[in-house]
Amino acid sequence: MARPEKLDPQTLERWLAAHPGWERVGDGGIARRYTFSGYGDAVGFVVRLAMAAEKKDHHPDIELSWGKARVLWTTHDTGGLSTFDLEMAEVTDRLAS
């Protein structure tokens, strides 16, 4: 599978404006925090996200705690963000809802 190229800053800014809750972090990632009713719901979300990420062969960094999960997307190959990250961030939102 061909890896996508790094996103230009304007594309990222437009995407962030259209997707509340996501924020730019560090030198090249986007992250969002999610809140759930308990630990089991948070773990279930993380498992669903892990399965979706495995199918795409693109994996986020995930922090899990009681009723909370933080997801960070970046494309290490490009040293920043790619279309893979934006697509998977949208999948992440759908899985969390």
Protein backbone atom coordinates (compact mmCIF):
# COMPACT_ATOMS: atom_id res chain seq x y z
CA MET A 1 0.00 0.00 0.00
CA ALA A 2 1.42 3.37 -0.98
CA ARG A 3 1.91 5.80 1.87
CA PRO A 4 0.37 9.25 1.49
CA GLU A 5 2.35 12.47 1.51
CA LYS A 6 2.48 14.99 4.33
CA LEU A 7 -0.49 17.37 4.45
CA ASP A 8 -0.02 21.04 3.74
CA PRO A 9 -0.87 23.42 6.63
CA GLN A 10 -3.91 24.94 4.87
CA THR A 11 -5.57 21.56 4.40
CA LEU A 12 -5.05 20.75 8.06
CA GLU A 13 -6.45 24.11 9.22
CA ARG A 14 -9.60 23.63 7.11
CA TRP A 15 -10.05 20.11 8.47
CA LEU A 16 -9.58 21.20 12.10
CA ALA A 17 -12.12 24.01 11.64
CA ALA A 18 -14.67 21.45 10.40
CA HIS A 19 -13.96 18.89 13.17
CA PRO A 20 -14.43 20.38 16.65
CA GLY A 21 -12.66 18.60 19.47
CA TRP A 22 -9.53 17.78 17.50
CA GLU A 23 -6.42 19.81 18.17
CA ARG A 24 -2.96 20.02 16.73
CA VAL A 25 -0.30 18.64 19.06
CA GLY A 26 3.46 18.68 18.90
CA ASP A 27 5.20 18.96 15.59
CA GLY A 28 2.78 16.91 13.57
CA GLY A 29 -0.13 15.21 15.20
CA ILE A 30 -3.79 15.68 15.98
CA ALA A 31 -5.41 14.50 19.19
CA ARG A 32 -8.81 14.31 20.82
CA ARG A 33 -10.06 13.27 24.25
CA TYR A 34 -13.21 11.21 24.66
CA THR A 35 -15.26 10.63 27.79
CA PHE A 36 -17.31 7.49 28.45
CA SER A 37 -19.63 6.35 31.22
CA GLY A 38 -17.12 3.91 32.65
CA TYR A 39 -13.99 1.87 32.16
CA GLY A 40 -15.67 -0.87 30.14
CA ASP A 41 -17.11 1.62 27.64
CA ALA A 42 -13.70 3.26 27.21
CA VAL A 43 -12.01 -0.12 26.72
CA GLY A 44 -14.69 -1.16 24.21
CA PHE A 45 -14.07 2.02 22.21
CA VAL A 46 -10.30 1.39 22.23
CA VAL A 47 -10.79 -2.20 21.02
CA ARG A 48 -13.11 -1.06 18.19
CA LEU A 49 -10.61 1.61 17.20
CA ALA A 50 -7.73 -0.88 17.31
CA MET A 51 -9.61 -3.20 14.94
CA ALA A 52 -10.33 -0.34 12.51
CA ALA A 53 -6.71 0.79 12.68
CA GLU A 54 -5.46 -2.72 12.02
CA LYS A 55 -7.64 -2.98 8.89
CA LYS A 56 -6.15 0.27 7.58
CA ASP A 57 -2.62 -0.65 8.77
CA HIS A 58 -2.41 2.77 10.39
CA HIS A 59 -2.23 2.90 14.18
CA PRO A 60 -2.78 5.72 16.67
CA ASP A 61 -1.25 6.37 20.05
CA ILE A 62 -3.96 5.77 22.65
CA GLU A 63 -4.08 6.70 26.34
CA LEU A 64 -6.75 4.85 28.32
CA SER A 65 -8.03 5.56 31.81
CA TRP A 66 -11.28 5.10 33.72
CA GLY A 67 -14.00 6.43 31.42
CA LYS A 68 -11.56 8.32 29.22
CA ALA A 69 -9.45 7.81 26.13
CA ARG A 70 -7.12 10.15 24.28
CA VAL A 71 -6.30 9.35 20.67
CA LEU A 72 -3.37 10.82 18.76
CA TRP A 73 -2.94 10.38 15.02
CA THR A 74 0.23 11.06 13.07
CA THR A 75 2.03 9.47 10.13
CA HIS A 76 5.56 8.72 11.27
CA ASP A 77 6.64 7.94 7.68
CA THR A 78 5.93 11.53 6.63
CA GLY A 79 7.02 13.25 9.83
CA GLY A 80 3.60 14.82 10.23
CA LEU A 81 0.00 14.37 9.19
CA SER A 82 -1.34 12.67 6.09
CA THR A 83 -4.75 11.93 4.65
CA PHE A 84 -4.62 8.62 6.54
CA ASP A 85 -4.72 10.55 9.82
CA LEU A 86 -7.70 12.68 8.83
CA GLU A 87 -9.62 9.65 7.55
CA MET A 88 -8.91 7.68 10.70
CA ALA A 89 -9.77 10.64 12.95
CA GLU A 90 -13.20 10.68 11.31
CA VAL A 91 -13.50 6.93 11.88
CA THR A 92 -12.49 7.54 15.52
CA ASP A 93 -15.32 10.05 15.95
CA ARG A 94 -17.86 7.64 14.48
CA LEU A 95 -16.70 4.84 16.77
CA ALA A 96 -16.92 7.09 19.82
CA SER A 97 -20.49 8.19 19.13
